[in-house]
PDB file of N, CA and C in Angstrom:
ATOM      1  N   MET A   1    -102.699   5.115  97.957  1.00  0.00           N
ATOM      2  CA  MET A   1    -102.460   3.829  97.332  1.00  0.00           C
ATOM      3  C   MET A   1    -103.305   3.662  96.077  1.00  0.00           C
ATOM      4  N   VAL A   2    -104.518   4.197  96.105  1.00  0.00           N
ATOM      5  CA  VAL A   2    -105.395   4.101  94.950  1.00  0.00           C
ATOM      6  C   VAL A   2    -104.833   4.924  93.795  1.00  0.00           C
ATOM      7  N   ARG A   3    -104.269   6.092  94.116  1.00  0.00           N
ATOM      8  CA  ARG A   3    -103.672   6.929  93.078  1.00  0.00           C
ATOM      9  C   ARG A   3    -102.499   6.220  92.413  1.00  0.00           C
ATOM     10  N   PHE A   4    -101.719   5.482  93.213  1.00  0.00           N
ATOM     11  CA  PHE A   4    -100.573   4.764  92.666  1.00  0.00           C
ATOM     12  C   PHE A   4    -101.029   3.741  91.635  1.00  0.00           C
ATOM     13  N   PHE A   5    -102.059   2.945  91.997  1.00  0.00           N
ATOM     14  CA  PHE A   5    -102.528   1.909  91.076  1.00  0.00           C
ATOM     15  C   PHE A   5    -103.253   2.507  89.872  1.00  0.00           C
ATOM     16  N   SER A   6    -103.940   3.616  90.056  1.00  0.00           N
ATOM     17  CA  SER A   6    -104.603   4.231  88.908  1.00  0.00           C
ATOM     18  C   SER A   6    -103.573   4.877  87.985  1.00  0.00           C
ATOM     19  N   ALA A   7    -102.507   5.452  88.556  1.00  0.00           N
ATOM     20  CA  ALA A   7    -101.438   6.015  87.730  1.00  0.00           C
ATOM     21  C   ALA A   7    -100.655   4.915  87.022  1.00  0.00           C
ATOM     22  N   LEU A   8    -100.489   3.781  87.668  1.00  0.00           N
ATOM     23  CA  LEU A   8     -99.791   2.656  87.069  1.00  0.00           C
ATOM     24  C   LEU A   8    -100.680   1.925  86.073  1.00  0.00           C
ATOM     25  N   GLY A   9    -101.974   1.914  86.319  1.00  0.00           N
ATOM     26  CA  GLY A   9    -102.894   1.137  85.498  1.00  0.00           C
ATOM     27  C   GLY A   9    -103.096   1.692  84.111  1.00  0.00           C
ATOM     28  N   ALA A  10    -103.168   2.998  83.958  1.00  0.00           N
ATOM     29  CA  ALA A  10    -103.426   3.588  82.640  1.00  0.00           C
ATOM     30  C   ALA A  10    -102.308   3.278  81.639  1.00  0.00           C
ATOM     31  N   PRO A  11    -101.041   3.504  81.979  1.00  0.00           N
ATOM     32  CA  PRO A  11     -99.994   3.138  81.016  1.00  0.00           C
ATOM     33  C   PRO A  11     -99.894   1.632  80.781  1.00  0.00           C
ATOM     34  N   LEU A  12    -100.169   0.851  81.825  1.00  0.00           N
ATOM     35  CA  LEU A  12    -100.107  -0.595  81.686  1.00  0.00           C
ATOM     36  C   LEU A  12    -101.202  -1.097  80.755  1.00  0.00           C
ATOM     37  N   LEU A  13    -102.413  -0.581  80.906  1.00  0.00           N
ATOM     38  CA  LEU A  13    -103.505  -0.956  80.010  1.00  0.00           C
ATOM     39  C   LEU A  13    -103.217  -0.503  78.584  1.00  0.00           C
ATOM     40  N   SER A  14    -102.646   0.676  78.439  1.00  0.00           N
ATOM     41  CA  SER A  14    -102.289   1.173  77.116  1.00  0.00           C
ATOM     42  C   SER A  14    -101.243   0.271  76.467  1.00  0.00           C
ATOM     43  N   PHE A  15    -100.270  -0.171  77.245  1.00  0.00           N
ATOM     44  CA  PHE A  15     -99.237  -1.061  76.709  1.00  0.00           C
ATOM     45  C   PHE A  15     -99.838  -2.390  76.265  1.00  0.00           C
ATOM     46  N   PHE A  16    -100.711  -2.979  77.080  1.00  0.00           N
ATOM     47  CA  PHE A  16    -101.309  -4.258  76.710  1.00  0.00           C
ATOM     48  C   PHE A  16    -102.247  -4.121  75.518  1.00  0.00           C
ATOM     49  N   GLN A  17    -102.910  -2.980  75.380  1.00  0.00           N
ATOM     50  CA  GLN A  17    -103.741  -2.749  74.209  1.00  0.00           C
ATOM     51  C   GLN A  17    -102.866  -2.689  72.954  1.00  0.00           C
ATOM     52  N   TYR A  18    -101.756  -1.966  73.039  1.00  0.00           N
ATOM     53  CA  TYR A  18    -100.829  -1.887  71.915  1.00  0.00           C
ATOM     54  C   TYR A  18    -100.268  -3.266  71.576  1.00  0.00           C
ATOM     55  N   LEU A  19     -99.895  -4.029  72.590  1.00  0.00           N
ATOM     56  CA  LEU A  19     -99.344  -5.354  72.378  1.00  0.00           C
ATOM     57  C   LEU A  19    -100.373  -6.271  71.714  1.00  0.00           C
ATOM     58  N   GLY A  20    -101.629  -6.183  72.145  1.00  0.00           N
ATOM     59  CA  GLY A  20    -102.688  -6.985  71.540  1.00  0.00           C
ATOM     60  C   GLY A  20    -102.917  -6.622  70.081  1.00  0.00           C
ATOM     61  N   GLU A  21    -102.901  -5.322  69.774  1.00  0.00           N
ATOM     62  CA  GLU A  21    -103.059  -4.892  68.392  1.00  0.00           C
ATOM     63  C   GLU A  21    -101.892  -5.366  67.533  1.00  0.00           C
ATOM     64  N   LEU A  22    -100.710  -5.374  68.099  1.00  0.00           N
ATOM     65  CA  LEU A  22     -99.534  -5.842  67.375  1.00  0.00           C
ATOM     66  C   LEU A  22     -99.634  -7.339  67.083  1.00  0.00           C
ATOM     67  N   VAL A  23    -100.104  -8.105  68.039  1.00  0.00           N
ATOM     68  CA  VAL A  23    -100.269  -9.544  67.839  1.00  0.00           C
ATOM     69  C   VAL A  23    -101.330  -9.811  66.769  1.00  0.00           C
ATOM     70  N   LEU A  24    -102.427  -9.048  66.791  1.00  0.00           N
ATOM     71  CA  LEU A  24    -103.465  -9.225  65.769  1.00  0.00           C
ATOM     72  C   LEU A  24    -102.940  -8.861  64.377  1.00  0.00           C
ATOM     73  N   LEU A  25    -102.150  -7.820  64.281  1.00  0.00           N
ATOM     74  CA  LEU A  25    -101.551  -7.442  63.002  1.00  0.00           C
ATOM     75  C   LEU A  25    -100.625  -8.542  62.486  1.00  0.00           C
ATOM     76  N   ALA A  26     -99.790  -9.093  63.368  1.00  0.00           N
ATOM     77  CA  ALA A  26     -98.877 -10.164  62.963  1.00  0.00           C
ATOM     78  C   ALA A  26     -99.658 -11.400  62.520  1.00  0.00           C
ATOM     79  N   ALA A  27    -100.727 -11.735  63.233  1.00  0.00           N
ATOM     80  CA  ALA A  27    -101.541 -12.896  62.858  1.00  0.00           C
ATOM     81  C   ALA A  27    -102.205 -12.686  61.501  1.00  0.00           C
ATOM     82  N   ASP A  28    -102.744 -11.496  61.265  1.00  0.00           N
ATOM     83  CA  ASP A  28    -103.351 -11.207  59.963  1.00  0.00           C
ATOM     84  C   ASP A  28    -102.323 -11.255  58.839  1.00  0.00           C
ATOM     85  N   THR A  29    -101.120 -10.769  59.122  1.00  0.00           N
ATOM     86  CA  THR A  29    -100.066 -10.784  58.105  1.00  0.00           C
ATOM     87  C   THR A  29     -99.680 -12.204  57.742  1.00  0.00           C
ATOM     88  N   PHE A  30     -99.438 -13.054  58.736  1.00  0.00           N
ATOM     89  CA  PHE A  30     -99.057 -14.433  58.442  1.00  0.00           C
ATOM     90  C   PHE A  30    -100.198 -15.213  57.801  1.00  0.00           C
ATOM     91  N   ARG A  31    -101.429 -14.928  58.185  1.00  0.00           N
ATOM     92  CA  ARG A  31    -102.574 -15.599  57.585  1.00  0.00           C
ATOM     93  C   ARG A  31    -102.707 -15.213  56.114  1.00  0.00           C
ATOM     94  N   SER A  32    -102.476 -13.943  55.802  1.00  0.00           N
ATOM     95  CA  SER A  32    -102.629 -13.497  54.420  1.00  0.00           C
ATOM     96  C   SER A  32    -101.534 -14.043  53.510  1.00  0.00           C
ATOM     97  N   ILE A  33    -100.387 -14.393  54.075  1.00  0.00           N
ATOM     98  CA  ILE A  33     -99.320 -14.973  53.257  1.00  0.00           C
ATOM     99  C   ILE A  33     -99.783 -16.283  52.633  1.00  0.00           C
ATOM    100  N   PHE A  34    -100.519 -17.068  53.382  1.00  0.00           N
ATOM    101  CA  PHE A  34    -100.906 -18.398  52.910  1.00  0.00           C
ATOM    102  C   PHE A  34    -102.287 -18.447  52.274  1.00  0.00           C
ATOM    103  N   THR A  35    -103.119 -17.435  52.485  1.00  0.00           N
ATOM    104  CA  THR A  35    -104.486 -17.521  51.967  1.00  0.00           C
ATOM    105  C   THR A  35    -104.745 -16.637  50.753  1.00  0.00           C
ATOM    106  N   HIS A  36    -104.009 -15.540  50.591  1.00  0.00           N
ATOM    107  CA  HIS A  36    -104.263 -14.628  49.483  1.00  0.00           C
ATOM    108  C   HIS A  36    -103.349 -14.931  48.306  1.00  0.00           C
ATOM    109  N   LYS A  37    -103.895 -14.706  47.109  1.00  0.00           N
ATOM    110  CA  LYS A  37    -103.111 -14.892  45.899  1.00  0.00           C
ATOM    111  C   LYS A  37    -102.214 -13.676  45.693  1.00  0.00           C
ATOM    112  N   LEU A  38    -100.991 -13.919  45.288  1.00  0.00           N
ATOM    113  CA  LEU A  38    -100.028 -12.854  45.083  1.00  0.00           C
ATOM    114  C   LEU A  38    -100.288 -12.178  43.743  1.00  0.00           C
ATOM    115  N   ARG A  39    -100.407 -10.863  43.762  1.00  0.00           N
ATOM    116  CA  ARG A  39    -100.593 -10.100  42.528  1.00  0.00           C
ATOM    117  C   ARG A  39     -99.209  -9.706  42.026  1.00  0.00           C
ATOM    118  N   TRP A  40     -98.735 -10.445  41.016  1.00  0.00           N
ATOM    119  CA  TRP A  40     -97.363 -10.333  40.578  1.00  0.00           C
ATOM    120  C   TRP A  40     -97.035  -8.966  40.000  1.00  0.00           C
ATOM    121  N   LYS A  41     -97.944  -8.357  39.224  1.00  0.00           N
ATOM    122  CA  LYS A  41     -97.655  -7.057  38.632  1.00  0.00           C
ATOM    123  C   LYS A  41     -97.473  -5.996  39.713  1.00  0.00           C
ATOM    124  N   LEU A  42     -98.357  -5.990  40.700  1.00  0.00           N
ATOM    125  CA  LEU A  42     -98.243  -5.045  41.802  1.00  0.00           C
ATOM    126  C   LEU A  42     -96.985  -5.315  42.623  1.00  0.00           C
ATOM    127  N   PHE A  43     -96.702  -6.582  42.842  1.00  0.00           N
ATOM    128  CA  PHE A  43     -95.512  -6.967  43.610  1.00  0.00           C
ATOM    129  C   PHE A  43     -94.230  -6.491  42.913  1.00  0.00           C
ATOM    130  N   LEU A  44     -94.137  -6.706  41.613  1.00  0.00           N
ATOM    131  CA  LEU A  44     -92.934  -6.303  40.881  1.00  0.00           C
ATOM    132  C   LEU A  44     -92.819  -4.789  40.783  1.00  0.00           C
ATOM    133  N   ASN A  45     -93.948  -4.088  40.665  1.00  0.00           N
ATOM    134  CA  ASN A  45     -93.895  -2.625  40.672  1.00  0.00           C
ATOM    135  C   ASN A  45     -93.356  -2.109  42.000  1.00  0.00           C
ATOM    136  N   GLN A  46     -93.757  -2.718  43.100  1.00  0.00           N
ATOM    137  CA  GLN A  46     -93.265  -2.299  44.412  1.00  0.00           C
ATOM    138  C   GLN A  46     -91.797  -2.642  44.588  1.00  0.00           C
ATOM    139  N   VAL A  47     -91.359  -3.762  44.045  1.00  0.00           N
ATOM    140  CA  VAL A  47     -89.940  -4.124  44.106  1.00  0.00           C
ATOM    141  C   VAL A  47     -89.114  -3.096  43.353  1.00  0.00           C
ATOM    142  N   VAL A  48     -89.587  -2.676  42.190  1.00  0.00           N
ATOM    143  CA  VAL A  48     -88.859  -1.676  41.405  1.00  0.00           C
ATOM    144  C   VAL A  48     -88.815  -0.355  42.153  1.00  0.00           C
ATOM    145  N   GLU A  49     -89.934   0.064  42.734  1.00  0.00           N
ATOM    146  CA  GLU A  49     -89.964   1.340  43.454  1.00  0.00           C
ATOM    147  C   GLU A  49     -89.054   1.324  44.676  1.00  0.00           C
ATOM    148  N   VAL A  50     -89.101   0.261  45.428  1.00  0.00           N
ATOM    149  CA  VAL A  50     -88.302   0.199  46.648  1.00  0.00           C
ATOM    150  C   VAL A  50     -86.833  -0.031  46.322  1.00  0.00           C
ATOM    151  N   GLY A  51     -86.544  -0.865  45.345  1.00  0.00           N
ATOM    152  CA  GLY A  51     -85.164  -1.214  45.059  1.00  0.00           C
ATOM    153  C   GLY A  51     -84.470  -0.256  44.127  1.00  0.00           C
ATOM    154  N   LEU A  52     -84.962  -0.144  42.923  1.00  0.00           N
ATOM    155  CA  LEU A  52     -84.248   0.622  41.897  1.00  0.00           C
ATOM    156  C   LEU A  52     -84.378   2.128  42.080  1.00  0.00           C
ATOM    157  N   LEU A  53     -85.542   2.600  42.458  1.00  0.00           N
ATOM    158  CA  LEU A  53     -85.745   4.038  42.548  1.00  0.00           C
ATOM    159  C   LEU A  53     -85.153   4.648  43.811  1.00  0.00           C
ATOM    160  N   SER A  54     -84.664   3.831  44.708  1.00  0.00           N
ATOM    161  CA  SER A  54     -84.039   4.373  45.916  1.00  0.00           C
ATOM    162  C   SER A  54     -82.510   4.356  45.827  1.00  0.00           C
ATOM    163  N   GLN A  55     -81.976   4.057  44.656  1.00  0.00           N
ATOM    164  CA  GLN A  55     -80.520   3.991  44.520  1.00  0.00           C
ATOM    165  C   GLN A  55     -79.861   5.345  44.730  1.00  0.00           C
ATOM    166  N   LEU A  56     -80.514   6.423  44.344  1.00  0.00           N
ATOM    167  CA  LEU A  56     -79.933   7.749  44.546  1.00  0.00           C
ATOM    168  C   LEU A  56     -79.732   8.033  46.035  1.00  0.00           C
ATOM    169  N   VAL A  57     -80.705   7.642  46.843  1.00  0.00           N
ATOM    170  CA  VAL A  57     -80.586   7.842  48.287  1.00  0.00           C
ATOM    171  C   VAL A  57     -79.434   7.012  48.836  1.00  0.00           C
ATOM    172  N   VAL A  58     -79.301   5.800  48.366  1.00  0.00           N
ATOM    173  CA  VAL A  58     -78.218   4.923  48.823  1.00  0.00           C
ATOM    174  C   VAL A  58     -76.858   5.483  48.417  1.00  0.00           C
ATOM    175  N   ILE A  59     -76.745   5.993  47.202  1.00  0.00           N
ATOM    176  CA  ILE A  59     -75.472   6.543  46.730  1.00  0.00           C
ATOM    177  C   ILE A  59     -75.092   7.790  47.522  1.00  0.00           C
ATOM    178  N   ILE A  60     -76.050   8.676  47.747  1.00  0.00           N
ATOM    179  CA  ILE A  60     -75.759   9.898  48.507  1.00  0.00           C
ATOM    180  C   ILE A  60     -75.367   9.564  49.943  1.00  0.00           C
ATOM    181  N   THR A  61     -76.092   8.647  50.557  1.00  0.00           N
ATOM    182  CA  THR A  61     -75.773   8.243  51.934  1.00  0.00           C
ATOM    183  C   THR A  61     -74.391   7.610  52.003  1.00  0.00           C
ATOM    184  N   GLY A  62     -74.069   6.751  51.039  1.00  0.00           N
ATOM    185  CA  GLY A  62     -72.749   6.119  51.012  1.00  0.00           C
ATOM    186  C   GLY A  62     -71.628   7.127  50.805  1.00  0.00           C
ATOM    187  N   ALA A  63     -71.870   8.125  49.958  1.00  0.00           N
ATOM    188  CA  ALA A  63     -70.845   9.145  49.715  1.00  0.00           C
ATOM    189  C   ALA A  63     -70.569   9.957  50.975  1.00  0.00           C
ATOM    190  N   PHE A  64     -71.615  10.379  51.659  1.00  0.00           N
ATOM    191  CA  PHE A  64     -71.405  11.161  52.876  1.00  0.00           C
ATOM    192  C   PHE A  64     -70.790  10.311  53.989  1.00  0.00           C
ATOM    193  N   THR A  65     -71.189   9.054  54.082  1.00  0.00           N
ATOM    194  CA  THR A  65     -70.594   8.174  55.082  1.00  0.00           C
ATOM    195  C   THR A  65     -69.115   7.963  54.797  1.00  0.00           C
ATOM    196  N   GLY A  66     -68.760   7.762  53.529  1.00  0.00           N
ATOM    197  CA  GLY A  66     -67.359   7.603  53.155  1.00  0.00           C
ATOM    198  C   GLY A  66     -66.551   8.860  53.428  1.00  0.00           C
ATOM    199  N   ALA A  67     -67.157  10.029  53.171  1.00  0.00           N
ATOM    200  CA  ALA A  67     -66.446  11.282  53.430  1.00  0.00           C
ATOM    201  C   ALA A  67     -66.177  11.467  54.918  1.00  0.00           C
ATOM    202  N   VAL A  68     -67.147  11.164  55.738  1.00  0.00           N
ATOM    203  CA  VAL A  68     -66.960  11.280  57.189  1.00  0.00           C
ATOM    204  C   VAL A  68     -65.923  10.273  57.675  1.00  0.00           C
ATOM    205  N   PHE A  69     -65.983   9.066  57.153  1.00  0.00           N
ATOM    206  CA  PHE A  69     -65.004   8.046  57.539  1.00  0.00           C
ATOM    207  C   PHE A  69     -63.593   8.464  57.136  1.00  0.00           C
ATOM    208  N   ALA A  70     -63.439   9.010  55.940  1.00  0.00           N
ATOM    209  CA  ALA A  70     -62.126   9.457  55.482  1.00  0.00           C
ATOM    210  C   ALA A  70     -61.620  10.615  56.328  1.00  0.00           C
ATOM    211  N   ALA A  71     -62.502  11.543  56.674  1.00  0.00           N
ATOM    212  CA  ALA A  71     -62.083  12.680  57.498  1.00  0.00           C
ATOM    213  C   ALA A  71     -61.654  12.211  58.891  1.00  0.00           C
ATOM    214  N   GLN A  72     -62.421  11.324  59.481  1.00  0.00           N
ATOM    215  CA  GLN A  72     -62.066  10.816  60.808  1.00  0.00           C
ATOM    216  C   GLN A  72     -60.750  10.057  60.767  1.00  0.00           C
ATOM    217  N   THR A  73     -60.542   9.258  59.728  1.00  0.00           N
ATOM    218  CA  THR A  73     -59.282   8.526  59.589  1.00  0.00           C
ATOM    219  C   THR A  73     -58.109   9.494  59.439  1.00  0.00           C
ATOM    220  N   PHE A  74     -58.295  10.535  58.632  1.00  0.00           N
ATOM    221  CA  PHE A  74     -57.243  11.535  58.441  1.00  0.00           C
ATOM    222  C   PHE A  74     -56.876  12.208  59.757  1.00  0.00           C
ATOM    223  N   PHE A  75     -57.881  12.630  60.504  1.00  0.00           N
ATOM    224  CA  PHE A  75     -57.599  13.336  61.753  1.00  0.00           C
ATOM    225  C   PHE A  75     -56.978  12.418  62.799  1.00  0.00           C
ATOM    226  N   GLN A  76     -57.339  11.146  62.799  1.00  0.00           N
ATOM    227  CA  GLN A  76     -56.744  10.214  63.751  1.00  0.00           C
ATOM    228  C   GLN A  76     -55.294   9.902  63.375  1.00  0.00           C
ATOM    229  N   LEU A  77     -55.039   9.668  62.099  1.00  0.00           N
ATOM    230  CA  LEU A  77     -53.681   9.310  61.677  1.00  0.00           C
ATOM    231  C   LEU A  77     -52.747  10.510  61.676  1.00  0.00           C
ATOM    232  N   ARG A  78     -53.256  11.697  61.441  1.00  0.00           N
ATOM    233  CA  ARG A  78     -52.417  12.892  61.437  1.00  0.00           C
ATOM    234  C   ARG A  78     -51.788  13.093  62.811  1.00  0.00           C
ATOM    235  N   GLY A  79     -52.519  12.830  63.857  1.00  0.00           N
ATOM    236  CA  GLY A  79     -51.978  12.979  65.209  1.00  0.00           C
ATOM    237  C   GLY A  79     -50.941  11.934  65.526  1.00  0.00           C
ATOM    238  N   SER A  80     -51.077  10.714  65.012  1.00  0.00           N
ATOM    239  CA  SER A  80     -50.102   9.667  65.330  1.00  0.00           C
ATOM    240  C   SER A  80     -48.826   9.822  64.510  1.00  0.00           C
ATOM    241  N   PHE A  81     -48.919  10.380  63.293  1.00  0.00           N
ATOM    242  CA  PHE A  81     -47.706  10.585  62.491  1.00  0.00           C
ATOM    243  C   PHE A  81     -46.881  11.752  63.007  1.00  0.00           C
ATOM    244  N   ARG A  82     -47.501  12.623  63.723  1.00  0.00           N
ATOM    245  CA  ARG A  82     -46.770  13.778  64.260  1.00  0.00           C
ATOM    246  C   ARG A  82     -45.656  13.315  65.216  1.00  0.00           C
ATOM    247  N   PHE A  83     -45.905  12.242  65.946  1.00  0.00           N
ATOM    248  CA  PHE A  83     -44.906  11.733  66.877  1.00  0.00           C
ATOM    249  C   PHE A  83     -43.894  10.823  66.194  1.00  0.00           C
ATOM    250  N   ALA A  84     -44.243  10.206  65.068  1.00  0.00           N
ATOM    251  CA  ALA A  84     -43.356   9.258  64.408  1.00  0.00           C
ATOM    252  C   ALA A  84     -42.336   9.937  63.525  1.00  0.00           C
ATOM    253  N   LEU A  85     -42.690  11.084  62.959  1.00  0.00           N
ATOM    254  CA  LEU A  85     -41.772  11.778  62.055  1.00  0.00           C
ATOM    255  C   LEU A  85     -40.865  12.738  62.834  1.00  0.00           C
ATOM    256  N   PRO A  86     -39.606  12.910  62.363  1.00  0.00           N
ATOM    257  CA  PRO A  86     -38.695  13.818  63.087  1.00  0.00           C
ATOM    258  C   PRO A  86     -39.046  15.274  62.897  1.00  0.00           C
TER     259      PRO A  86
END
């Protein structure tokens, strides 16, 4: 019985430690929103890096997703037209 609780206790304590750290991180984040001054130059540089410089990744991902969607549509419709045409 002691082994059961010790085996159960270690992951449970680890989970609660992680949960506590997550709550502290969230509290620090929300506190910093209202107490720290926003550095506009740094903020806009990060917006440009995250938004504009990632367009190539978005375009490539969209192209491959569209190609897979078109291929799947073709293979699905090809089977249904086989029965409709004489």
